């Protein structure tokens, strides 16, 4: 996911159970220690940071070290379109996971249904966009997900 945070350009990609954030060209390791409604405890290159997040569903505000900045998505992804970013299949809208049909290490074919979710009383099938192997599954049946949350990560 590419974003702008204040005046900094940031790209965040999953790396195993953690994330790599590239901030204006510099790679930073990010680990989520705890997350609850509206806040997250993070380890950013080994330093503990607490971030507070609020949203009106169109914009997000993040407060770090007493300063608040608006987080703006700049990746150009369109709402409601299944897409892939950094090997991850992403939720097209908020919803609930109804079933997960694959597991880590499983080989899948393009078009194969990987999971189903329910959103706005519709069933949405998240399908493989190419042949590959399931690297990580980040959700489970019954879990509620947000728009653009990474659900499954694929590799060639």
C-alpha atoms as a PDB file:
ATOM      1  CA  UNK A   1       0.000   0.000   0.000  1.00  0.00           C
ATOM      2  CA  UNK A   2       1.361   3.412  -0.928  1.00  0.00           C
ATOM      3  CA  UNK A   3       0.332   6.408   1.173  1.00  0.00           C
ATOM      4  CA  UNK A   4       1.307   9.947   1.972  1.00  0.00           C
ATOM      5  CA  UNK A   5       1.761  10.747   5.658  1.00  0.00           C
ATOM      6  CA  UNK A   6       2.112  14.489   6.041  1.00  0.00           C
ATOM      7  CA  UNK A   7       4.846  15.306   3.538  1.00  0.00           C
ATOM      8  CA  UNK A   8       6.411  11.805   3.549  1.00  0.00           C
ATOM      9  CA  UNK A   9       5.725   9.132   0.939  1.00  0.00           C
ATOM     10  CA  UNK A  10       5.345   5.699   2.534  1.00  0.00           C
ATOM     11  CA  UNK A  11       4.974   2.248   1.005  1.00  0.00           C
ATOM     12  CA  UNK A  12       4.002  -0.566   3.402  1.00  0.00           C
ATOM     13  CA  UNK A  13       4.378  -4.219   2.407  1.00  0.00           C
ATOM     14  CA  UNK A  14       3.924  -7.403   4.436  1.00  0.00           C
ATOM     15  CA  UNK A  15       7.092  -9.297   5.365  1.00  0.00           C
ATOM     16  CA  UNK A  16       6.174 -12.556   7.079  1.00  0.00           C
ATOM     17  CA  UNK A  17       4.201 -11.604  10.197  1.00  0.00           C
ATOM     18  CA  UNK A  18       5.594  -8.055  10.171  1.00  0.00           C
ATOM     19  CA  UNK A  19       5.802  -5.199   7.672  1.00  0.00           C
ATOM     20  CA  UNK A  20       8.477  -3.269   5.826  1.00  0.00           C
ATOM     21  CA  UNK A  21       7.703   0.437   5.478  1.00  0.00           C
ATOM     22  CA  UNK A  22       9.726   2.394   2.949  1.00  0.00           C
ATOM     23  CA  UNK A  23       9.684   6.019   4.101  1.00  0.00           C
ATOM     24  CA  UNK A  24      11.061   8.378   1.450  1.00  0.00           C
ATOM     25  CA  UNK A  25      13.358   5.601   0.190  1.00  0.00           C
ATOM     26  CA  UNK A  26      14.523   4.286   3.602  1.00  0.00           C
ATOM     27  CA  UNK A  27      13.356   0.802   4.698  1.00  0.00           C
ATOM     28  CA  UNK A  28      11.955   0.531   8.241  1.00  0.00           C
ATOM     29  CA  UNK A  29      10.863  -2.693  10.006  1.00  0.00           C
ATOM     30  CA  UNK A  30       7.423  -2.468  11.642  1.00  0.00           C
ATOM     31  CA  UNK A  31       5.916  -5.028  14.018  1.00  0.00           C
ATOM     32  CA  UNK A  32       2.415  -4.732  15.469  1.00  0.00           C
ATOM     33  CA  UNK A  33       2.615  -5.635  19.171  1.00  0.00           C
ATOM     34  CA  UNK A  34      -1.010  -4.923  20.115  1.00  0.00           C
ATOM     35  CA  UNK A  35      -3.976  -3.348  18.405  1.00  0.00           C
ATOM     36  CA  UNK A  36      -7.357  -2.354  19.768  1.00  0.00           C
ATOM     37  CA  UNK A  37     -10.123   0.003  18.724  1.00  0.00           C
ATOM     38  CA  UNK A  38      -8.343   3.139  17.599  1.00  0.00           C
ATOM     39  CA  UNK A  39      -4.794   2.457  18.764  1.00  0.00           C
ATOM     40  CA  UNK A  40      -1.766   0.285  18.004  1.00  0.00           C
ATOM     41  CA  UNK A  41       1.454  -0.456  19.866  1.00  0.00           C
ATOM     42  CA  UNK A  42       4.223  -0.863  17.288  1.00  0.00           C
ATOM     43  CA  UNK A  43       7.913  -1.665  17.214  1.00  0.00           C
ATOM     44  CA  UNK A  44       9.444   0.574  14.537  1.00  0.00           C
ATOM     45  CA  UNK A  45      13.060  -0.497  13.950  1.00  0.00           C
ATOM     46  CA  UNK A  46      13.074  -1.778  17.542  1.00  0.00           C
ATOM     47  CA  UNK A  47      11.640   1.400  19.078  1.00  0.00           C
ATOM     48  CA  UNK A  48       8.210   1.181  20.742  1.00  0.00           C
ATOM     49  CA  UNK A  49       5.639   3.619  19.330  1.00  0.00           C
ATOM     50  CA  UNK A  50       1.938   4.061  20.120  1.00  0.00           C
ATOM     51  CA  UNK A  51      -0.237   5.264  17.251  1.00  0.00           C
ATOM     52  CA  UNK A  52      -3.835   6.426  17.535  1.00  0.00           C
ATOM     53  CA  UNK A  53      -5.991   6.074  14.434  1.00  0.00           C
ATOM     54  CA  UNK A  54      -9.405   7.545  13.631  1.00  0.00           C
ATOM     55  CA  UNK A  55     -11.434   7.411  10.437  1.00  0.00           C
ATOM     56  CA  UNK A  56     -14.597   8.723   8.858  1.00  0.00           C
ATOM     57  CA  UNK A  57     -14.444   5.870   6.258  1.00  0.00           C
ATOM     58  CA  UNK A  58     -13.068   8.277   3.636  1.00  0.00           C
ATOM     59  CA  UNK A  59     -10.016   9.644   5.456  1.00  0.00           C
ATOM     60  CA  UNK A  60      -7.786   8.431   8.280  1.00  0.00           C
ATOM     61  CA  UNK A  61      -5.959  10.481  10.889  1.00  0.00           C
ATOM     62  CA  UNK A  62      -2.928   9.109  12.715  1.00  0.00           C
ATOM     63  CA  UNK A  63      -1.544  10.620  15.916  1.00  0.00           C
ATOM     64  CA  UNK A  64       2.095   9.902  16.784  1.00  0.00           C
ATOM     65  CA  UNK A  65       4.180  11.670  19.422  1.00  0.00           C
ATOM     66  CA  UNK A  66       1.486  14.311  19.974  1.00  0.00           C
ATOM     67  CA  UNK A  67       1.164  15.266  16.296  1.00  0.00           C
ATOM     68  CA  UNK A  68      -1.790  14.329  14.090  1.00  0.00           C
ATOM     69  CA  UNK A  69      -1.555  13.879  10.332  1.00  0.00           C
ATOM     70  CA  UNK A  70      -4.062  12.828   7.714  1.00  0.00           C
ATOM     71  CA  UNK A  71      -3.197   9.538   6.000  1.00  0.00           C
ATOM     72  CA  UNK A  72      -4.007   9.725   2.303  1.00  0.00           C
ATOM     73  CA  UNK A  73      -4.011   6.688   0.035  1.00  0.00           C
ATOM     74  CA  UNK A  74      -2.043   7.307  -3.133  1.00  0.00           C
ATOM     75  CA  UNK A  75      -1.912   3.847  -4.725  1.00  0.00           C
ATOM     76  CA  UNK A  76      -4.782   4.566  -7.119  1.00  0.00           C
ATOM     77  CA  UNK A  77      -6.750   1.430  -6.209  1.00  0.00           C
ATOM     78  CA  UNK A  78     -10.442   1.666  -6.964  1.00  0.00           C
ATOM     79  CA  UNK A  79     -13.113   0.858  -4.411  1.00  0.00           C
ATOM     80  CA  UNK A  80     -14.990  -2.379  -4.947  1.00  0.00           C
ATOM     81  CA  UNK A  81     -12.394  -3.915  -7.284  1.00  0.00           C
ATOM     82  CA  UNK A  82     -10.522  -7.068  -6.328  1.00  0.00           C
ATOM     83  CA  UNK A  83      -6.885  -6.255  -6.743  1.00  0.00           C
ATOM     84  CA  UNK A  84      -3.484  -7.454  -5.746  1.00  0.00           C
ATOM     85  CA  UNK A  85      -0.701  -5.452  -4.169  1.00  0.00           C
ATOM     86  CA  UNK A  86       2.675  -6.792  -3.104  1.00  0.00           C
ATOM     87  CA  UNK A  87       1.403 -10.359  -3.488  1.00  0.00           C
ATOM     88  CA  UNK A  88      -1.605  -9.778  -1.236  1.00  0.00           C
ATOM     89  CA  UNK A  89      -5.284 -10.218  -2.031  1.00  0.00           C
ATOM     90  CA  UNK A  90      -7.188  -7.351  -0.454  1.00  0.00           C
ATOM     91  CA  UNK A  91     -10.755  -6.947   0.829  1.00  0.00           C
ATOM     92  CA  UNK A  92     -12.774  -4.863  -1.663  1.00  0.00           C
ATOM     93  CA  UNK A  93     -15.031  -3.511   1.110  1.00  0.00           C
ATOM     94  CA  UNK A  94     -15.733  -4.012   4.829  1.00  0.00           C
ATOM     95  CA  UNK A  95     -17.346  -7.361   5.551  1.00  0.00           C
ATOM     96  CA  UNK A  96     -17.193 -10.680   7.341  1.00  0.00           C
ATOM     97  CA  UNK A  97     -15.198 -13.746   6.277  1.00  0.00           C
ATOM     98  CA  UNK A  98     -17.642 -16.624   5.680  1.00  0.00           C
ATOM     99  CA  UNK A  99     -15.153 -19.315   4.636  1.00  0.00           C
ATOM    100  CA  UNK A 100     -11.475 -19.803   3.875  1.00  0.00           C
ATOM    101  CA  UNK A 101     -10.904 -22.483   1.226  1.00  0.00           C
ATOM    102  CA  UNK A 102      -7.077 -22.604   1.183  1.00  0.00           C
ATOM    103  CA  UNK A 103      -4.191 -22.997   3.587  1.00  0.00           C
ATOM    104  CA  UNK A 104      -0.557 -21.860   3.687  1.00  0.00           C
ATOM    105  CA  UNK A 105       1.619 -23.686   1.170  1.00  0.00           C
ATOM    106  CA  UNK A 106      -1.278 -24.756  -1.050  1.00  0.00           C
ATOM    107  CA  UNK A 107      -0.843 -24.403  -4.822  1.00  0.00           C
ATOM    108  CA  UNK A 108      -3.731 -22.557  -6.487  1.00  0.00           C
ATOM    109  CA  UNK A 109      -4.823 -21.850 -10.054  1.00  0.00           C
ATOM    110  CA  UNK A 110      -5.938 -18.533 -11.525  1.00  0.00           C
ATOM    111  CA  UNK A 111      -9.666 -18.043 -10.865  1.00  0.00           C
ATOM    112  CA  UNK A 112      -9.804 -20.503  -7.939  1.00  0.00           C
ATOM    113  CA  UNK A 113     -11.916 -19.243  -5.015  1.00  0.00           C
ATOM    114  CA  UNK A 114      -9.637 -18.686  -2.034  1.00  0.00           C
ATOM    115  CA  UNK A 115     -12.223 -17.366   0.411  1.00  0.00           C
ATOM    116  CA  UNK A 116     -15.718 -15.946   0.542  1.00  0.00           C
ATOM    117  CA  UNK A 117     -16.848 -12.917   2.456  1.00  0.00           C
ATOM    118  CA  UNK A 118     -20.194 -11.280   3.063  1.00  0.00           C
ATOM    119  CA  UNK A 119     -20.619  -7.547   2.659  1.00  0.00           C
ATOM    120  CA  UNK A 120     -23.835  -5.563   2.367  1.00  0.00           C
ATOM    121  CA  UNK A 121     -25.835  -8.819   2.171  1.00  0.00           C
ATOM    122  CA  UNK A 122     -23.788  -9.982  -0.835  1.00  0.00           C
ATOM    123  CA  UNK A 123     -21.453 -12.952  -1.086  1.00  0.00           C
ATOM    124  CA  UNK A 124     -18.085 -11.957  -2.509  1.00  0.00           C
ATOM    125  CA  UNK A 125     -15.647 -14.579  -3.758  1.00  0.00           C
ATOM    126  CA  UNK A 126     -12.003 -13.633  -3.521  1.00  0.00           C
ATOM    127  CA  UNK A 127     -10.243 -15.524  -6.302  1.00  0.00           C
ATOM    128  CA  UNK A 128      -6.618 -16.128  -7.257  1.00  0.00           C
ATOM    129  CA  UNK A 129      -5.514 -13.610  -9.861  1.00  0.00           C
ATOM    130  CA  UNK A 130      -2.766 -15.929 -11.122  1.00  0.00           C
ATOM    131  CA  UNK A 131      -1.366 -19.406 -10.581  1.00  0.00           C
ATOM    132  CA  UNK A 132       0.785 -19.520  -7.460  1.00  0.00           C
ATOM    133  CA  UNK A 133       1.204 -20.693  -3.910  1.00  0.00           C
ATOM    134  CA  UNK A 134      -0.464 -19.383  -0.743  1.00  0.00           C
ATOM    135  CA  UNK A 135       2.266 -17.689   1.320  1.00  0.00           C
ATOM    136  CA  UNK A 136       0.112 -16.416   4.238  1.00  0.00           C
ATOM    137  CA  UNK A 137      -3.539 -16.417   5.297  1.00  0.00           C
ATOM    138  CA  UNK A 138      -4.292 -13.401   7.497  1.00  0.00           C
ATOM    139  CA  UNK A 139      -7.983 -14.056   8.223  1.00  0.00           C
ATOM    140  CA  UNK A 140     -10.228 -16.796   9.558  1.00  0.00           C
ATOM    141  CA  UNK A 141     -13.900 -17.703   9.299  1.00  0.00           C
ATOM    142  CA  UNK A 142     -16.152 -15.271  11.175  1.00  0.00           C
ATOM    143  CA  UNK A 143     -13.566 -12.472  11.279  1.00  0.00           C
ATOM    144  CA  UNK A 144     -14.664  -8.945  10.370  1.00  0.00           C
ATOM    145  CA  UNK A 145     -12.379  -7.146   7.908  1.00  0.00           C
ATOM    146  CA  UNK A 146     -11.985  -3.571   6.720  1.00  0.00           C
ATOM    147  CA  UNK A 147     -11.774  -2.329   3.137  1.00  0.00           C
ATOM    148  CA  UNK A 148      -8.302  -2.919   1.657  1.00  0.00           C
ATOM    149  CA  UNK A 149      -7.198  -5.185   4.506  1.00  0.00           C
ATOM    150  CA  UNK A 150      -4.804  -7.861   3.230  1.00  0.00           C
ATOM    151  CA  UNK A 151      -6.563 -11.233   3.375  1.00  0.00           C
ATOM    152  CA  UNK A 152      -4.181 -13.680   1.694  1.00  0.00           C
ATOM    153  CA  UNK A 153      -0.624 -13.283   0.456  1.00  0.00           C
ATOM    154  CA  UNK A 154       0.457 -15.195  -2.662  1.00  0.00           C
ATOM    155  CA  UNK A 155       3.835 -16.044  -4.152  1.00  0.00           C
ATOM    156  CA  UNK A 156       4.917 -17.495  -7.482  1.00  0.00           C
END
